[in-house]
Amino acid sequence: MNVELINCYNQVKNNLDLVIKELDKIQSEHNLVSDHD
């Protein structure tokens, strides 16, 4: 039923390169900021 969850699986299925690129961006930003919360 969860729209966001099913979108996530569809994107991993069909647009994996774009998902990975965005994950790299978010991961880098989180690990570099001073205030993680």
Full PDB file with SEQRES, HELIX, SHEET, SSBOND, CRYST1, ORIGX, SCALE, CONECT and MASTER records, all heavy atoms in Angstrom:
SEQRES   1 A   37  MET ASN VAL GLU LEU ILE ASN CYS TYR ASN GLN VAL LYS          
SEQRES   2 A   37  ASN ASN LEU ASP LEU VAL ILE LYS GLU LEU ASP LYS ILE          
SEQRES   3 A   37  GLN SER GLU HIS ASN LEU VAL SER ASP HIS ASP                  
HELIX    1 AA1 VAL A    3  ASN A   14  1                                  12    
HELIX    2 AA2 LEU A   16  LEU A   32  1                                  17    
CRYST1    1.000    1.000    1.000  90.00  90.00  90.00 P 1           1          
ORIGX1      1.000000  0.000000  0.000000        0.00000                         
ORIGX2      0.000000  1.000000  0.000000        0.00000                         
ORIGX3      0.000000  0.000000  1.000000        0.00000                         
SCALE1      1.000000  0.000000  0.000000        0.00000                         
SCALE2      0.000000  1.000000  0.000000        0.00000                         
SCALE3      0.000000  0.000000  1.000000        0.00000                         
ATOM      1  N   MET A   1       0.817  -1.211   0.000  1.00  0.00           N  
ATOM      2  CA  MET A   1       0.000   0.000   0.000  1.00  0.00           C  
ATOM      3  C   MET A   1       0.851   1.261   0.000  1.00  0.00           C  
ATOM      4  O   MET A   1       0.421   2.322  -0.463  1.00  0.00           O  
ATOM      5  CB  MET A   1      -0.912   0.017   1.234  1.00  0.00           C  
ATOM      6  CG  MET A   1      -2.194  -0.771   1.072  1.00  0.00           C  
ATOM      7  SD  MET A   1      -3.342  -0.012  -0.114  1.00  0.00           S  
ATOM      8  CE  MET A   1      -3.802   1.478   0.764  1.00  0.00           C  
ATOM      9  N   ASN A   2       2.065   1.172   0.545  1.00  0.00           N  
ATOM     10  CA  ASN A   2       2.893   2.349   0.745  1.00  0.00           C  
ATOM     11  C   ASN A   2       3.438   2.867  -0.587  1.00  0.00           C  
ATOM     12  O   ASN A   2       4.255   2.221  -1.240  1.00  0.00           O  
ATOM     13  CB  ASN A   2       4.052   2.001   1.693  1.00  0.00           C  
ATOM     14  CG  ASN A   2       4.837   3.213   2.118  1.00  0.00           C  
ATOM     15  OD1 ASN A   2       5.388   3.933   1.296  1.00  0.00           O  
ATOM     16  ND2 ASN A   2       4.893   3.435   3.416  1.00  0.00           N  
ATOM     17  N   VAL A   3       2.983   4.048  -0.971  1.00  0.00           N  
ATOM     18  CA  VAL A   3       3.344   4.628  -2.266  1.00  0.00           C  
ATOM     19  C   VAL A   3       4.842   4.889  -2.355  1.00  0.00           C  
ATOM     20  O   VAL A   3       5.489   4.594  -3.366  1.00  0.00           O  
ATOM     21  CB  VAL A   3       2.563   5.940  -2.503  1.00  0.00           C  
ATOM     22  CG1 VAL A   3       3.016   6.612  -3.798  1.00  0.00           C  
ATOM     23  CG2 VAL A   3       1.075   5.668  -2.541  1.00  0.00           C  
ATOM     24  N   GLU A   4       5.429   5.439  -1.289  1.00  0.00           N  
ATOM     25  CA  GLU A   4       6.855   5.771  -1.293  1.00  0.00           C  
ATOM     26  C   GLU A   4       7.715   4.517  -1.367  1.00  0.00           C  
ATOM     27  O   GLU A   4       8.742   4.493  -2.049  1.00  0.00           O  
ATOM     28  CB  GLU A   4       7.221   6.585  -0.046  1.00  0.00           C  
ATOM     29  CG  GLU A   4       6.628   7.981  -0.026  1.00  0.00           C  
ATOM     30  CD  GLU A   4       5.142   7.974   0.341  1.00  0.00           C  
ATOM     31  OE1 GLU A   4       4.658   6.946   0.852  1.00  0.00           O  
ATOM     32  OE2 GLU A   4       4.474   8.988   0.091  1.00  0.00           O  
ATOM     33  N   LEU A   5       7.291   3.475  -0.664  1.00  0.00           N  
ATOM     34  CA  LEU A   5       8.046   2.223  -0.689  1.00  0.00           C  
ATOM     35  C   LEU A   5       8.044   1.601  -2.084  1.00  0.00           C  
ATOM     36  O   LEU A   5       9.098   1.186  -2.591  1.00  0.00           O  
ATOM     37  CB  LEU A   5       7.451   1.235   0.320  1.00  0.00           C  
ATOM     38  CG  LEU A   5       8.097  -0.147   0.370  1.00  0.00           C  
ATOM     39  CD1 LEU A   5       9.523  -0.052   0.873  1.00  0.00           C  
ATOM     40  CD2 LEU A   5       7.281  -1.097   1.244  1.00  0.00           C  
ATOM     41  N   ILE A   6       6.872   1.559  -2.707  1.00  0.00           N  
ATOM     42  CA  ILE A   6       6.785   0.976  -4.039  1.00  0.00           C  
ATOM     43  C   ILE A   6       7.550   1.822  -5.046  1.00  0.00           C  
ATOM     44  O   ILE A   6       8.211   1.295  -5.963  1.00  0.00           O  
ATOM     45  CB  ILE A   6       5.312   0.800  -4.458  1.00  0.00           C  
ATOM     46  CG1 ILE A   6       4.660  -0.290  -3.595  1.00  0.00           C  
ATOM     47  CG2 ILE A   6       5.196   0.448  -5.934  1.00  0.00           C  
ATOM     48  CD1 ILE A   6       5.357  -1.646  -3.649  1.00  0.00           C  
ATOM     49  N   ASN A   7       7.517   3.137  -4.889  1.00  0.00           N  
ATOM     50  CA  ASN A   7       8.353   3.986  -5.746  1.00  0.00           C  
ATOM     51  C   ASN A   7       9.821   3.636  -5.579  1.00  0.00           C  
ATOM     52  O   ASN A   7      10.575   3.568  -6.556  1.00  0.00           O  
ATOM     53  CB  ASN A   7       8.142   5.463  -5.419  1.00  0.00           C  
ATOM     54  CG  ASN A   7       9.127   6.353  -6.158  1.00  0.00           C  
ATOM     55  OD1 ASN A   7       9.086   6.492  -7.371  1.00  0.00           O  
ATOM     56  ND2 ASN A   7      10.065   6.954  -5.417  1.00  0.00           N  
ATOM     57  N   CYS A   8      10.236   3.407  -4.343  1.00  0.00           N  
ATOM     58  CA  CYS A   8      11.633   3.070  -4.073  1.00  0.00           C  
ATOM     59  C   CYS A   8      12.032   1.793  -4.811  1.00  0.00           C  
ATOM     60  O   CYS A   8      13.073   1.746  -5.473  1.00  0.00           O  
ATOM     61  CB  CYS A   8      11.839   2.909  -2.563  1.00  0.00           C  
ATOM     62  SG  CYS A   8      13.565   2.668  -2.082  1.00  0.00           S  
ATOM     63  N   TYR A   9      11.200   0.762  -4.735  1.00  0.00           N  
ATOM     64  CA  TYR A   9      11.523  -0.492  -5.427  1.00  0.00           C  
ATOM     65  C   TYR A   9      11.506  -0.316  -6.943  1.00  0.00           C  
ATOM     66  O   TYR A   9      12.348  -0.879  -7.649  1.00  0.00           O  
ATOM     67  CB  TYR A   9      10.550  -1.597  -5.003  1.00  0.00           C  
ATOM     68  CG  TYR A   9      10.840  -2.138  -3.621  1.00  0.00           C  
ATOM     69  CD1 TYR A   9       9.868  -2.148  -2.631  1.00  0.00           C  
ATOM     70  CD2 TYR A   9      12.101  -2.639  -3.300  1.00  0.00           C  
ATOM     71  CE1 TYR A   9      10.134  -2.634  -1.360  1.00  0.00           C  
ATOM     72  CE2 TYR A   9      12.376  -3.120  -2.032  1.00  0.00           C  
ATOM     73  CZ  TYR A   9      11.391  -3.122  -1.068  1.00  0.00           C  
ATOM     74  OH  TYR A   9      11.665  -3.598   0.189  1.00  0.00           O  
ATOM     75  N   ASN A  10      10.564   0.460  -7.446  1.00  0.00           N  
ATOM     76  CA  ASN A  10      10.524   0.700  -8.891  1.00  0.00           C  
ATOM     77  C   ASN A  10      11.748   1.470  -9.372  1.00  0.00           C  
ATOM     78  O   ASN A  10      12.280   1.194 -10.456  1.00  0.00           O  
ATOM     79  CB  ASN A  10       9.250   1.468  -9.264  1.00  0.00           C  
ATOM     80  CG  ASN A  10       8.068   0.555  -9.513  1.00  0.00           C  
ATOM     81  OD1 ASN A  10       8.204  -0.502 -10.129  1.00  0.00           O  
ATOM     82  ND2 ASN A  10       6.903   0.946  -9.026  1.00  0.00           N  
ATOM     83  N   GLN A  11      12.207   2.412  -8.571  1.00  0.00           N  
ATOM     84  CA  GLN A  11      13.383   3.191  -8.963  1.00  0.00           C  
ATOM     85  C   GLN A  11      14.651   2.332  -8.907  1.00  0.00           C  
ATOM     86  O   GLN A  11      15.526   2.429  -9.777  1.00  0.00           O  
ATOM     87  CB  GLN A  11      13.530   4.421  -8.058  1.00  0.00           C  
ATOM     88  CG  GLN A  11      12.394   5.420  -8.176  1.00  0.00           C  
ATOM     89  CD  GLN A  11      12.234   5.990  -9.572  1.00  0.00           C  
ATOM     90  OE1 GLN A  11      13.210   6.177 -10.294  1.00  0.00           O  
ATOM     91  NE2 GLN A  11      10.993   6.265  -9.965  1.00  0.00           N  
ATOM     92  N   VAL A  12      14.772   1.488  -7.893  1.00  0.00           N  
ATOM     93  CA  VAL A  12      15.924   0.574  -7.818  1.00  0.00           C  
ATOM     94  C   VAL A  12      15.879  -0.402  -8.987  1.00  0.00           C  
ATOM     95  O   VAL A  12      16.914  -0.763  -9.558  1.00  0.00           O  
ATOM     96  CB  VAL A  12      15.937  -0.174  -6.466  1.00  0.00           C  
ATOM     97  CG1 VAL A  12      16.961  -1.310  -6.473  1.00  0.00           C  
ATOM     98  CG2 VAL A  12      16.244   0.800  -5.332  1.00  0.00           C  
ATOM     99  N   LYS A  13      14.694  -0.811  -9.360  1.00  0.00           N  
ATOM    100  CA  LYS A  13      14.522  -1.731 -10.492  1.00  0.00           C  
ATOM    101  C   LYS A  13      14.880  -1.071 -11.823  1.00  0.00           C  
ATOM    102  O   LYS A  13      15.600  -1.663 -12.636  1.00  0.00           O  
ATOM    103  CB  LYS A  13      13.068  -2.214 -10.525  1.00  0.00           C  
ATOM    104  CG  LYS A  13      12.705  -3.069 -11.734  1.00  0.00           C  
ATOM    105  CD  LYS A  13      11.227  -3.446 -11.694  1.00  0.00           C  
ATOM    106  CE  LYS A  13      10.829  -4.261 -12.928  1.00  0.00           C  
ATOM    107  NZ  LYS A  13       9.392  -4.665 -12.880  1.00  0.00           N  
ATOM    108  N   ASN A  14      14.409   0.160 -12.034  1.00  0.00           N  
ATOM    109  CA  ASN A  14      14.472   0.772 -13.362  1.00  0.00           C  
ATOM    110  C   ASN A  14      15.479   1.904 -13.512  1.00  0.00           C  
ATOM    111  O   ASN A  14      15.902   2.196 -14.640  1.00  0.00           O  
ATOM    112  CB  ASN A  14      13.083   1.301 -13.742  1.00  0.00           C  
ATOM    113  CG  ASN A  14      12.037   0.202 -13.799  1.00  0.00           C  
ATOM    114  OD1 ASN A  14      12.283  -0.865 -14.340  1.00  0.00           O  
ATOM    115  ND2 ASN A  14      10.871   0.463 -13.223  1.00  0.00           N  
ATOM    116  N   ASN A  15      15.851   2.560 -12.424  1.00  0.00           N  
ATOM    117  CA  ASN A  15      16.731   3.736 -12.496  1.00  0.00           C  
ATOM    118  C   ASN A  15      17.855   3.664 -11.454  1.00  0.00           C  
ATOM    119  O   ASN A  15      18.123   4.644 -10.752  1.00  0.00           O  
ATOM    120  CB  ASN A  15      15.908   5.013 -12.291  1.00  0.00           C  
ATOM    121  CG  ASN A  15      14.877   5.224 -13.365  1.00  0.00           C  
ATOM    122  OD1 ASN A  15      15.191   5.164 -14.554  1.00  0.00           O  
ATOM    123  ND2 ASN A  15      13.641   5.464 -12.964  1.00  0.00           N  
ATOM    124  N   LEU A  16      18.500   2.514 -11.372  1.00  0.00           N  
ATOM    125  CA  LEU A  16      19.459   2.294 -10.305  1.00  0.00           C  
ATOM    126  C   LEU A  16      20.606   3.300 -10.332  1.00  0.00           C  
ATOM    127  O   LEU A  16      21.038   3.786  -9.273  1.00  0.00           O  
ATOM    128  CB  LEU A  16      20.013   0.864 -10.381  1.00  0.00           C  
ATOM    129  CG  LEU A  16      20.990   0.488  -9.258  1.00  0.00           C  
ATOM    130  CD1 LEU A  16      20.320   0.619  -7.894  1.00  0.00           C  
ATOM    131  CD2 LEU A  16      21.513  -0.925  -9.457  1.00  0.00           C  
ATOM    132  N   ASP A  17      21.127   3.625 -11.509  1.00  0.00           N  
ATOM    133  CA  ASP A  17      22.255   4.560 -11.584  1.00  0.00           C  
ATOM    134  C   ASP A  17      21.898   5.918 -10.975  1.00  0.00           C  
ATOM    135  O   ASP A  17      22.716   6.526 -10.266  1.00  0.00           O  
ATOM    136  CB  ASP A  17      22.700   4.752 -13.034  1.00  0.00           C  
ATOM    137  CG  ASP A  17      23.379   3.513 -13.602  1.00  0.00           C  
ATOM    138  OD1 ASP A  17      23.762   2.637 -12.793  1.00  0.00           O  
ATOM    139  OD2 ASP A  17      23.532   3.435 -14.827  1.00  0.00           O  
ATOM    140  N   LEU A  18      20.686   6.388 -11.227  1.00  0.00           N  
ATOM    141  CA  LEU A  18      20.256   7.669 -10.676  1.00  0.00           C  
ATOM    142  C   LEU A  18      20.062   7.591  -9.167  1.00  0.00           C  
ATOM    143  O   LEU A  18      20.392   8.532  -8.436  1.00  0.00           O  
ATOM    144  CB  LEU A  18      18.956   8.120 -11.351  1.00  0.00           C  
ATOM    145  CG  LEU A  18      19.068   8.504 -12.824  1.00  0.00           C  
ATOM    146  CD1 LEU A  18      17.688   8.780 -13.410  1.00  0.00           C  
ATOM    147  CD2 LEU A  18      19.975   9.716 -12.993  1.00  0.00           C  
ATOM    148  N   VAL A  19      19.536   6.471  -8.699  1.00  0.00           N  
ATOM    149  CA  VAL A  19      19.364   6.278  -7.247  1.00  0.00           C  
ATOM    150  C   VAL A  19      20.724   6.299  -6.555  1.00  0.00           C  
ATOM    151  O   VAL A  19      20.908   6.963  -5.529  1.00  0.00           O  
ATOM    152  CB  VAL A  19      18.622   4.960  -6.948  1.00  0.00           C  
ATOM    153  CG1 VAL A  19      18.578   4.701  -5.443  1.00  0.00           C  
ATOM    154  CG2 VAL A  19      17.203   4.993  -7.510  1.00  0.00           C  
ATOM    155  N   ILE A  20      21.695   5.579  -7.109  1.00  0.00           N  
ATOM    156  CA  ILE A  20      23.033   5.527  -6.519  1.00  0.00           C  
ATOM    157  C   ILE A  20      23.681   6.901  -6.507  1.00  0.00           C  
ATOM    158  O   ILE A  20      24.311   7.310  -5.508  1.00  0.00           O  
ATOM    159  CB  ILE A  20      23.910   4.503  -7.274  1.00  0.00           C  
ATOM    160  CG1 ILE A  20      23.451   3.078  -6.947  1.00  0.00           C  
ATOM    161  CG2 ILE A  20      25.386   4.684  -6.930  1.00  0.00           C  
ATOM    162  CD1 ILE A  20      24.186   2.002  -7.709  1.00  0.00           C  
ATOM    163  N   LYS A  21      23.536   7.648  -7.579  1.00  0.00           N  
ATOM    164  CA  LYS A  21      24.103   8.992  -7.647  1.00  0.00           C  
ATOM    165  C   LYS A  21      23.524   9.881  -6.552  1.00  0.00           C  
ATOM    166  O   LYS A  21      24.248  10.631  -5.873  1.00  0.00           O  
ATOM    167  CB  LYS A  21      23.831   9.601  -9.019  1.00  0.00           C  
ATOM    168  CG  LYS A  21      24.452  10.976  -9.219  1.00  0.00           C  
ATOM    169  CD  LYS A  21      24.190  11.494 -10.636  1.00  0.00           C  
ATOM    170  CE  LYS A  21      24.800  12.878 -10.830  1.00  0.00           C  
ATOM    171  NZ  LYS A  21      24.549  13.380 -12.222  1.00  0.00           N  
ATOM    172  N   GLU A  22      22.215   9.777  -6.345  1.00  0.00           N  
ATOM    173  CA  GLU A  22      21.564  10.584  -5.309  1.00  0.00           C  
ATOM    174  C   GLU A  22      21.944  10.111  -3.910  1.00  0.00           C  
ATOM    175  O   GLU A  22      22.137  10.922  -2.997  1.00  0.00           O  
ATOM    176  CB  GLU A  22      20.044  10.527  -5.493  1.00  0.00           C  
ATOM    177  CG  GLU A  22      19.263  11.524  -4.673  1.00  0.00           C  
ATOM    178  CD  GLU A  22      19.471  12.961  -5.097  1.00  0.00           C  
ATOM    179  OE1 GLU A  22      19.969  13.198  -6.216  1.00  0.00           O  
ATOM    180  OE2 GLU A  22      19.135  13.870  -4.300  1.00  0.00           O  
ATOM    181  N   LEU A  23      22.079   8.805  -3.731  1.00  0.00           N  
ATOM    182  CA  LEU A  23      22.517   8.267  -2.437  1.00  0.00           C  
ATOM    183  C   LEU A  23      23.923   8.756  -2.097  1.00  0.00           C  
ATOM    184  O   LEU A  23      24.214   9.094  -0.944  1.00  0.00           O  
ATOM    185  CB  LEU A  23      22.477   6.739  -2.460  1.00  0.00           C  
ATOM    186  CG  LEU A  23      21.104   6.082  -2.364  1.00  0.00           C  
ATOM    187  CD1 LEU A  23      21.217   4.583  -2.601  1.00  0.00           C  
ATOM    188  CD2 LEU A  23      20.454   6.353  -1.010  1.00  0.00           C  
ATOM    189  N   ASP A  24      24.803   8.759  -3.079  1.00  0.00           N  
ATOM    190  CA  ASP A  24      26.167   9.256  -2.865  1.00  0.00           C  
ATOM    191  C   ASP A  24      26.151  10.710  -2.400  1.00  0.00           C  
ATOM    192  O   ASP A  24      26.891  11.104  -1.492  1.00  0.00           O  
ATOM    193  CB  ASP A  24      26.993   9.127  -4.147  1.00  0.00           C  
ATOM    194  CG  ASP A  24      27.387   7.698  -4.460  1.00  0.00           C  
ATOM    195  OD1 ASP A  24      27.369   6.860  -3.533  1.00  0.00           O  
ATOM    196  OD2 ASP A  24      27.701   7.413  -5.628  1.00  0.00           O  
ATOM    197  N   LYS A  25      25.294  11.508  -3.017  1.00  0.00           N  
ATOM    198  CA  LYS A  25      25.177  12.928  -2.661  1.00  0.00           C  
ATOM    199  C   LYS A  25      24.695  13.097  -1.218  1.00  0.00           C  
ATOM    200  O   LYS A  25      25.300  13.837  -0.424  1.00  0.00           O  
ATOM    201  CB  LYS A  25      24.213  13.609  -3.628  1.00  0.00           C  
ATOM    202  CG  LYS A  25      23.857  15.055  -3.286  1.00  0.00           C  
ATOM    203  CD  LYS A  25      22.919  15.615  -4.337  1.00  0.00           C  
ATOM    204  CE  LYS A  25      22.368  16.984  -3.930  1.00  0.00           C  
ATOM    205  NZ  LYS A  25      21.386  16.852  -2.817  1.00  0.00           N  
ATOM    206  N   ILE A  26      23.619  12.394  -0.868  1.00  0.00           N  
ATOM    207  CA  ILE A  26      23.057  12.522   0.480  1.00  0.00           C  
ATOM    208  C   ILE A  26      24.027  11.985   1.522  1.00  0.00           C  
ATOM    209  O   ILE A  26      24.224  12.586   2.587  1.00  0.00           O  
ATOM    210  CB  ILE A  26      21.703  11.782   0.562  1.00  0.00           C  
ATOM    211  CG1 ILE A  26      20.681  12.453  -0.354  1.00  0.00           C  
ATOM    212  CG2 ILE A  26      21.187  11.743   1.993  1.00  0.00           C  
ATOM    213  CD1 ILE A  26      19.358  11.715  -0.447  1.00  0.00           C  
ATOM    214  N   GLN A  27      24.642  10.848   1.229  1.00  0.00           N  
ATOM    215  CA  GLN A  27      25.597  10.250   2.172  1.00  0.00           C  
ATOM    216  C   GLN A  27      26.759  11.203   2.443  1.00  0.00           C  
ATOM    217  O   GLN A  27      27.165  11.391   3.599  1.00  0.00           O  
ATOM    218  CB  GLN A  27      26.111   8.932   1.606  1.00  0.00           C  
ATOM    219  CG  GLN A  27      27.130   8.217   2.487  1.00  0.00           C  
ATOM    220  CD  GLN A  27      27.493   6.866   1.911  1.00  0.00           C  
ATOM    221  OE1 GLN A  27      26.680   5.948   1.909  1.00  0.00           O  
ATOM    222  NE2 GLN A  27      28.716   6.730   1.409  1.00  0.00           N  
ATOM    223  N   SER A  28      27.293  11.794   1.387  1.00  0.00           N  
ATOM    224  CA  SER A  28      28.410  12.724   1.542  1.00  0.00           C  
ATOM    225  C   SER A  28      28.006  13.940   2.365  1.00  0.00           C  
ATOM    226  O   SER A  28      28.736  14.371   3.266  1.00  0.00           O  
ATOM    227  CB  SER A  28      28.907  13.165   0.167  1.00  0.00           C  
ATOM    228  OG  SER A  28      29.933  14.120   0.285  1.00  0.00           O  
ATOM    229  N   GLU A  29      26.825  14.477   2.081  1.00  0.00           N  
ATOM    230  CA  GLU A  29      26.354  15.650   2.819  1.00  0.00           C  
ATOM    231  C   GLU A  29      26.163  15.331   4.300  1.00  0.00           C  
ATOM    232  O   GLU A  29      26.574  16.109   5.168  1.00  0.00           O  
ATOM    233  CB  GLU A  29      25.048  16.152   2.213  1.00  0.00           C  
ATOM    234  CG  GLU A  29      25.223  16.787   0.839  1.00  0.00           C  
ATOM    235  CD  GLU A  29      23.902  17.173   0.195  1.00  0.00           C  
ATOM    236  OE1 GLU A  29      22.833  16.767   0.712  1.00  0.00           O  
ATOM    237  OE2 GLU A  29      23.942  17.877  -0.830  1.00  0.00           O  
ATOM    238  N   HIS A  30      25.530  14.203   4.598  1.00  0.00           N  
ATOM    239  CA  HIS A  30      25.308  13.827   5.999  1.00  0.00           C  
ATOM    240  C   HIS A  30      26.629  13.682   6.749  1.00  0.00           C  
ATOM    241  O   HIS A  30      26.773  14.167   7.875  1.00  0.00           O  
ATOM    242  CB  HIS A  30      24.529  12.511   6.084  1.00  0.00           C  
ATOM    243  CG  HIS A  30      24.357  12.015   7.487  1.00  0.00           C  
ATOM    244  ND1 HIS A  30      23.198  12.204   8.214  1.00  0.00           N  
ATOM    245  CD2 HIS A  30      25.208  11.341   8.329  1.00  0.00           C  
ATOM    246  CE1 HIS A  30      23.347  11.686   9.417  1.00  0.00           C  
ATOM    247  NE2 HIS A  30      24.554  11.139   9.517  1.00  0.00           N  
ATOM    248  N   ASN A  31      27.577  12.992   6.128  1.00  0.00           N  
ATOM    249  CA  ASN A  31      28.831  12.687   6.818  1.00  0.00           C  
ATOM    250  C   ASN A  31      29.734  13.907   6.968  1.00  0.00           C  
ATOM    251  O   ASN A  31      30.669  13.885   7.771  1.00  0.00           O  
ATOM    252  CB  ASN A  31      29.566  11.564   6.081  1.00  0.00           C  
ATOM    253  CG  ASN A  31      28.830  10.241   6.168  1.00  0.00           C  
ATOM    254  OD1 ASN A  31      27.996  10.038   7.045  1.00  0.00           O  
ATOM    255  ND2 ASN A  31      29.124   9.333   5.250  1.00  0.00           N  
ATOM    256  N   LEU A  32      29.462  14.983   6.211  1.00  0.00           N  
ATOM    257  CA  LEU A  32      30.307  16.177   6.282  1.00  0.00           C  
ATOM    258  C   LEU A  32      29.738  17.286   7.155  1.00  0.00           C  
ATOM    259  O   LEU A  32      30.493  18.129   7.658  1.00  0.00           O  
ATOM    260  CB  LEU A  32      30.547  16.724   4.863  1.00  0.00           C  
ATOM    261  CG  LEU A  32      31.472  15.900   3.960  1.00  0.00           C  
ATOM    262  CD1 LEU A  32      31.498  16.486   2.554  1.00  0.00           C  
ATOM    263  CD2 LEU A  32      32.893  15.846   4.543  1.00  0.00           C  
ATOM    264  N   VAL A  33      28.412  17.313   7.344  1.00  0.00           N  
ATOM    265  CA  VAL A  33      27.812  18.412   8.110  1.00  0.00           C  
ATOM    266  C   VAL A  33      28.154  18.291   9.590  1.00  0.00           C  
ATOM    267  O   VAL A  33      28.450  17.198  10.099  1.00  0.00           O  
ATOM    268  CB  VAL A  33      26.284  18.452   7.941  1.00  0.00           C  
ATOM    269  CG1 VAL A  33      25.914  18.722   6.501  1.00  0.00           C  
ATOM    270  CG2 VAL A  33      25.646  17.167   8.452  1.00  0.00           C  
ATOM    271  N   SER A  34      28.114  19.421  10.277  1.00  0.00           N  
ATOM    272  CA  SER A  34      28.415  19.431  11.710  1.00  0.00           C  
ATOM    273  C   SER A  34      27.204  19.043  12.550  1.00  0.00           C  
ATOM    274  O   SER A  34      27.340  18.451  13.625  1.00  0.00           O  
ATOM    275  CB  SER A  34      28.915  20.818  12.139  1.00  0.00           C  
ATOM    276  OG  SER A  34      27.958  21.804  11.799  1.00  0.00           O  
ATOM    277  N   ASP A  35      26.012  19.370  12.062  1.00  0.00           N  
ATOM    278  CA  ASP A  35      24.792  19.051  12.803  1.00  0.00           C  
ATOM    279  C   ASP A  35      24.021  17.977  12.037  1.00  0.00           C  
ATOM    280  O   ASP A  35      23.238  18.271  11.131  1.00  0.00           O  
ATOM    281  CB  ASP A  35      23.926  20.302  12.972  1.00  0.00           C  
ATOM    282  CG  ASP A  35      22.788  20.106  13.971  1.00  0.00           C  
ATOM    283  OD1 ASP A  35      22.324  18.951  14.103  1.00  0.00           O  
ATOM    284  OD2 ASP A  35      22.356  21.097  14.587  1.00  0.00           O  
ATOM    285  N   HIS A  36      24.240  16.721  12.407  1.00  0.00           N  
ATOM    286  CA  HIS A  36      23.624  15.600  11.692  1.00  0.00           C  
ATOM    287  C   HIS A  36      22.123  15.547  11.908  1.00  0.00           C  
ATOM    288  O   HIS A  36      21.377  15.170  10.999  1.00  0.00           O  
ATOM    289  CB  HIS A  36      24.277  14.288  12.118  1.00  0.00           C  
ATOM    290  CG  HIS A  36      25.748  14.263  11.884  1.00  0.00           C  
ATOM    291  ND1 HIS A  36      26.658  14.634  12.852  1.00  0.00           N  
ATOM    292  CD2 HIS A  36      26.476  13.940  10.785  1.00  0.00           C  
ATOM    293  CE1 HIS A  36      27.879  14.519  12.364  1.00  0.00           C  
ATOM    294  NE2 HIS A  36      27.802  14.108  11.123  1.00  0.00           N  
ATOM    295  N   ASP A  37      21.664  15.913  13.106  1.00  0.00           N  
ATOM    296  CA  ASP A  37      20.225  15.922  13.361  1.00  0.00           C  
ATOM    297  C   ASP A  37      19.515  16.944  12.473  1.00  0.00           C  
ATOM    298  O   ASP A  37      18.465  16.665  11.903  1.00  0.00           O  
ATOM    299  CB  ASP A  37      19.943  16.233  14.830  1.00  0.00           C  
ATOM    300  CG  ASP A  37      20.200  15.039  15.731  1.00  0.00           C  
ATOM    301  OD1 ASP A  37      20.521  13.952  15.202  1.00  0.00           O  
ATOM    302  OD2 ASP A  37      20.080  15.181  16.954  1.00  0.00           O  
TER     303      ASP A  37                                                      
MASTER        0    0    0    2    0    0    0    6  302    1    0    3          
END                                                                             
